[in-house]
């Protein structure tokens, strides 16, 4: 069984809330890609960053929405405090 670096609350088939705690090991936040495009809204967190393939890291700002295209490699970079995000998958 794979242990995920976050806690997840499923809202419905396309929406979930994820929390990455400040205690997460930064090594667990590895490069990966998803099967569907995702819209990620930052609910809370300080100085956490997202890095998309071939791009510099961007600081995640509260109440902002970030689009991650399907199959695009990306990763999180640890900040301070917990990071909570709302993820909505675009299923076509």
N, C-alpha and C. Protein backbone atom coordinates (compact mmCIF):
# COMPACT_ATOMS: atom_id res chain seq x y z
N UNK A 1 0.84 -1.18 0.00
CA UNK A 1 0.00 0.00 0.00
C UNK A 1 0.88 1.25 0.00
N UNK A 2 0.56 2.20 -0.86
CA UNK A 2 1.31 3.44 -0.97
C UNK A 2 0.74 4.45 0.03
N UNK A 3 1.62 5.05 0.82
CA UNK A 3 1.20 6.08 1.77
C UNK A 3 1.32 7.44 1.09
N UNK A 4 0.22 8.18 1.07
CA UNK A 4 0.19 9.50 0.43
C UNK A 4 0.71 10.56 1.40
N UNK A 5 1.35 11.61 0.89
CA UNK A 5 1.90 12.65 1.78
C UNK A 5 0.86 13.69 2.20
N UNK A 6 -0.42 13.36 2.11
CA UNK A 6 -1.49 14.29 2.43
C UNK A 6 -2.67 13.54 3.03
N UNK A 7 -3.56 14.31 3.65
CA UNK A 7 -4.84 13.80 4.11
C UNK A 7 -5.87 14.31 3.12
N UNK A 8 -6.86 13.49 2.80
CA UNK A 8 -7.81 13.85 1.75
C UNK A 8 -9.25 13.67 2.19
N UNK A 9 -10.06 14.64 1.83
CA UNK A 9 -11.50 14.56 2.04
C UNK A 9 -12.15 14.60 0.67
N UNK A 10 -12.89 13.54 0.31
CA UNK A 10 -13.58 13.47 -0.98
C UNK A 10 -14.90 14.22 -0.86
N UNK A 11 -15.11 15.20 -1.73
CA UNK A 11 -16.35 15.97 -1.74
C UNK A 11 -17.35 15.31 -2.70
N UNK A 12 -16.89 15.01 -3.91
CA UNK A 12 -17.69 14.29 -4.90
C UNK A 12 -16.72 13.66 -5.90
N UNK A 13 -17.23 13.17 -7.02
CA UNK A 13 -16.39 12.42 -7.96
C UNK A 13 -15.28 13.26 -8.61
N UNK A 14 -15.40 14.59 -8.59
CA UNK A 14 -14.38 15.44 -9.21
C UNK A 14 -13.71 16.41 -8.26
N UNK A 15 -14.17 16.47 -7.02
CA UNK A 15 -13.68 17.49 -6.09
C UNK A 15 -13.18 16.85 -4.80
N UNK A 16 -12.04 17.34 -4.33
CA UNK A 16 -11.48 16.86 -3.07
C UNK A 16 -10.72 17.99 -2.39
N UNK A 17 -10.58 17.86 -1.08
CA UNK A 17 -9.78 18.78 -0.28
C UNK A 17 -8.58 17.99 0.22
N UNK A 18 -7.39 18.55 0.01
CA UNK A 18 -6.17 17.89 0.48
C UNK A 18 -5.41 18.81 1.41
N UNK A 19 -4.87 18.20 2.45
CA UNK A 19 -4.03 18.94 3.40
C UNK A 19 -2.68 18.25 3.49
N UNK A 20 -1.64 19.05 3.25
CA UNK A 20 -0.26 18.61 3.41
C UNK A 20 0.23 19.27 4.70
N UNK A 21 0.62 18.48 5.70
CA UNK A 21 1.02 19.07 6.98
C UNK A 21 2.44 19.61 6.91
N UNK A 22 2.74 20.52 7.82
CA UNK A 22 4.09 21.08 7.88
C UNK A 22 5.13 20.03 8.21
N UNK A 23 4.67 18.88 8.72
CA UNK A 23 5.60 17.80 9.09
C UNK A 23 5.95 16.87 7.93
N UNK A 24 5.33 17.07 6.76
CA UNK A 24 5.60 16.19 5.63
C UNK A 24 7.07 16.29 5.25
N UNK A 25 7.66 15.17 4.94
CA UNK A 25 9.05 15.13 4.48
C UNK A 25 9.07 15.67 3.05
N UNK A 26 9.87 16.69 2.80
CA UNK A 26 9.95 17.29 1.47
C UNK A 26 10.28 16.28 0.38
N UNK A 27 10.95 15.19 0.74
CA UNK A 27 11.30 14.14 -0.23
C UNK A 27 10.06 13.40 -0.73
N UNK A 28 8.97 13.46 0.03
CA UNK A 28 7.73 12.80 -0.38
C UNK A 28 6.98 13.60 -1.44
N UNK A 29 7.35 14.85 -1.62
CA UNK A 29 6.68 15.72 -2.59
C UNK A 29 7.42 15.62 -3.92
N UNK A 30 7.25 14.49 -4.58
CA UNK A 30 8.04 14.18 -5.77
C UNK A 30 7.32 14.61 -7.06
N UNK A 31 8.10 14.68 -8.12
CA UNK A 31 7.55 14.98 -9.44
C UNK A 31 6.54 13.90 -9.80
N UNK A 32 5.42 14.32 -10.36
CA UNK A 32 4.39 13.37 -10.80
C UNK A 32 3.51 14.05 -11.84
N UNK A 33 2.63 13.28 -12.44
CA UNK A 33 1.65 13.84 -13.38
C UNK A 33 0.33 13.15 -13.15
N UNK A 34 -0.75 13.83 -13.53
CA UNK A 34 -2.10 13.35 -13.29
C UNK A 34 -2.79 13.01 -14.61
N UNK A 35 -3.81 12.17 -14.52
CA UNK A 35 -4.53 11.72 -15.71
C UNK A 35 -5.47 12.79 -16.28
N UNK A 36 -5.89 13.72 -15.43
CA UNK A 36 -6.83 14.77 -15.86
C UNK A 36 -6.28 16.14 -15.52
N UNK A 37 -6.76 17.15 -16.26
CA UNK A 37 -6.44 18.53 -15.91
C UNK A 37 -7.08 18.84 -14.57
N UNK A 38 -6.36 19.59 -13.75
CA UNK A 38 -6.86 19.93 -12.42
C UNK A 38 -6.80 21.43 -12.19
N UNK A 39 -7.83 21.93 -11.52
CA UNK A 39 -7.85 23.30 -11.03
C UNK A 39 -7.61 23.20 -9.53
N UNK A 40 -6.58 23.88 -9.06
CA UNK A 40 -6.19 23.80 -7.65
C UNK A 40 -6.36 25.17 -7.01
N UNK A 41 -7.27 25.25 -6.04
CA UNK A 41 -7.50 26.49 -5.31
C UNK A 41 -6.83 26.38 -3.94
N UNK A 42 -6.01 27.36 -3.62
CA UNK A 42 -5.32 27.37 -2.34
C UNK A 42 -6.24 27.93 -1.26
N UNK A 43 -6.49 27.13 -0.25
CA UNK A 43 -7.33 27.54 0.87
C UNK A 43 -6.47 28.16 1.97
N UNK A 44 -5.35 27.52 2.28
CA UNK A 44 -4.44 28.07 3.29
C UNK A 44 -3.04 27.50 3.07
N UNK A 45 -2.05 28.21 3.57
CA UNK A 45 -0.66 27.78 3.47
C UNK A 45 0.23 28.98 3.21
N UNK A 46 1.46 28.92 3.71
CA UNK A 46 2.41 30.02 3.52
C UNK A 46 3.69 29.52 2.89
N UNK A 47 4.10 30.22 1.86
CA UNK A 47 5.39 29.98 1.19
C UNK A 47 5.51 28.60 0.53
N UNK A 48 4.40 27.91 0.35
CA UNK A 48 4.44 26.68 -0.43
C UNK A 48 4.53 27.10 -1.90
N UNK A 49 5.16 26.25 -2.70
CA UNK A 49 5.34 26.56 -4.12
C UNK A 49 4.90 25.38 -4.97
N UNK A 50 4.54 25.69 -6.20
CA UNK A 50 4.28 24.66 -7.20
C UNK A 50 5.27 24.88 -8.33
N UNK A 51 5.78 23.79 -8.86
CA UNK A 51 6.70 23.86 -9.99
C UNK A 51 6.18 22.95 -11.08
N UNK A 52 5.91 23.54 -12.25
CA UNK A 52 5.52 22.77 -13.42
C UNK A 52 6.77 22.46 -14.23
N UNK A 53 6.72 21.40 -15.02
CA UNK A 53 7.84 20.98 -15.85
C UNK A 53 8.36 22.16 -16.69
N UNK A 54 9.66 22.31 -16.72
CA UNK A 54 10.33 23.36 -17.50
C UNK A 54 9.97 24.77 -17.05
N UNK A 55 9.57 24.95 -15.80
CA UNK A 55 9.24 26.27 -15.26
C UNK A 55 9.87 26.44 -13.89
N UNK A 56 10.04 27.68 -13.50
CA UNK A 56 10.52 27.98 -12.16
C UNK A 56 9.38 27.82 -11.16
N UNK A 57 9.69 27.53 -9.90
CA UNK A 57 8.64 27.42 -8.88
C UNK A 57 7.88 28.74 -8.72
N UNK A 58 6.59 28.63 -8.39
CA UNK A 58 5.72 29.78 -8.18
C UNK A 58 5.13 29.65 -6.77
N UNK A 59 5.16 30.73 -6.00
CA UNK A 59 4.57 30.72 -4.66
C UNK A 59 3.06 30.60 -4.78
N UNK A 60 2.48 29.66 -4.03
CA UNK A 60 1.04 29.47 -4.02
C UNK A 60 0.41 30.53 -3.11
N UNK A 61 -0.57 31.26 -3.64
CA UNK A 61 -1.22 32.32 -2.90
C UNK A 61 -2.65 31.90 -2.53
N UNK A 62 -3.05 32.22 -1.31
CA UNK A 62 -4.39 31.89 -0.84
C UNK A 62 -5.45 32.53 -1.75
N UNK A 63 -6.52 31.79 -1.97
CA UNK A 63 -7.67 32.20 -2.78
C UNK A 63 -7.35 32.32 -4.27
N UNK A 64 -6.20 31.82 -4.69
CA UNK A 64 -5.86 31.80 -6.11
C UNK A 64 -6.09 30.40 -6.65
N UNK A 65 -6.38 30.31 -7.94
CA UNK A 65 -6.61 29.02 -8.60
C UNK A 65 -5.50 28.80 -9.61
N UNK A 66 -4.93 27.61 -9.60
CA UNK A 66 -3.84 27.24 -10.49
C UNK A 66 -4.29 26.07 -11.34
N UNK A 67 -4.03 26.16 -12.65
CA UNK A 67 -4.41 25.11 -13.59
C UNK A 67 -3.21 24.22 -13.86
N UNK A 68 -3.40 22.91 -13.68
CA UNK A 68 -2.34 21.94 -13.98
C UNK A 68 -2.86 21.06 -15.11
N UNK A 69 -2.32 21.23 -16.32
CA UNK A 69 -2.78 20.42 -17.46
C UNK A 69 -2.51 18.94 -17.25
N UNK A 70 -3.38 18.11 -17.80
CA UNK A 70 -3.20 16.67 -17.67
C UNK A 70 -1.86 16.27 -18.26
N UNK A 71 -1.24 15.28 -17.64
CA UNK A 71 0.03 14.71 -18.07
C UNK A 71 1.23 15.65 -17.92
N UNK A 72 1.04 16.82 -17.31
CA UNK A 72 2.14 17.77 -17.08
C UNK A 72 2.85 17.39 -15.77
N UNK A 73 4.14 17.14 -15.86
CA UNK A 73 4.90 16.86 -14.65
C UNK A 73 4.90 18.11 -13.77
N UNK A 74 4.73 17.89 -12.46
CA UNK A 74 4.72 18.99 -11.50
C UNK A 74 5.03 18.45 -10.11
N UNK A 75 5.34 19.37 -9.21
CA UNK A 75 5.60 18.99 -7.82
C UNK A 75 5.32 20.18 -6.91
N UNK A 76 5.14 19.88 -5.63
CA UNK A 76 5.03 20.90 -4.60
C UNK A 76 6.37 21.06 -3.93
N UNK A 77 6.64 22.27 -3.47
CA UNK A 77 7.82 22.55 -2.66
C UNK A 77 7.32 23.06 -1.31
N UNK A 78 7.81 22.45 -0.28
CA UNK A 78 7.33 22.69 1.08
C UNK A 78 7.53 24.13 1.53
N UNK A 79 6.48 24.64 2.20
CA UNK A 79 6.54 25.97 2.81
C UNK A 79 6.45 25.83 4.31
N UNK A 80 5.84 26.82 4.95
CA UNK A 80 5.68 26.77 6.40
C UNK A 80 4.20 26.58 6.73
N UNK A 81 3.94 25.91 7.82
CA UNK A 81 2.56 25.61 8.20
C UNK A 81 1.98 24.56 7.27
N UNK A 82 0.71 24.27 7.45
CA UNK A 82 0.00 23.29 6.62
C UNK A 82 -0.46 23.95 5.32
N UNK A 83 -0.53 23.17 4.26
CA UNK A 83 -1.10 23.61 2.99
C UNK A 83 -2.41 22.86 2.78
N UNK A 84 -3.49 23.62 2.56
CA UNK A 84 -4.78 23.01 2.24
C UNK A 84 -5.24 23.54 0.90
N UNK A 85 -5.60 22.62 0.01
CA UNK A 85 -6.04 23.00 -1.33
C UNK A 85 -7.34 22.27 -1.69
N UNK A 86 -8.12 22.91 -2.54
CA UNK A 86 -9.31 22.29 -3.13
C UNK A 86 -8.94 21.94 -4.56
N UNK A 87 -9.13 20.68 -4.93
CA UNK A 87 -8.79 20.20 -6.27
C UNK A 87 -10.06 19.80 -7.00
N UNK A 88 -10.23 20.37 -8.20
CA UNK A 88 -11.36 20.00 -9.05
C UNK A 88 -10.78 19.45 -10.35
N UNK A 89 -11.11 18.21 -10.66
CA UNK A 89 -10.63 17.58 -11.88
C UNK A 89 -11.58 17.86 -13.04
N UNK A 90 -11.01 18.17 -14.19
CA UNK A 90 -11.79 18.32 -15.41
C UNK A 90 -11.87 16.95 -16.07
N UNK A 91 -13.05 16.38 -16.09
CA UNK A 91 -13.22 15.08 -16.72
C UNK A 91 -14.02 15.27 -17.99
N UNK A 92 -13.39 14.93 -19.10
CA UNK A 92 -14.04 15.12 -20.40
C UNK A 92 -14.61 13.83 -20.93
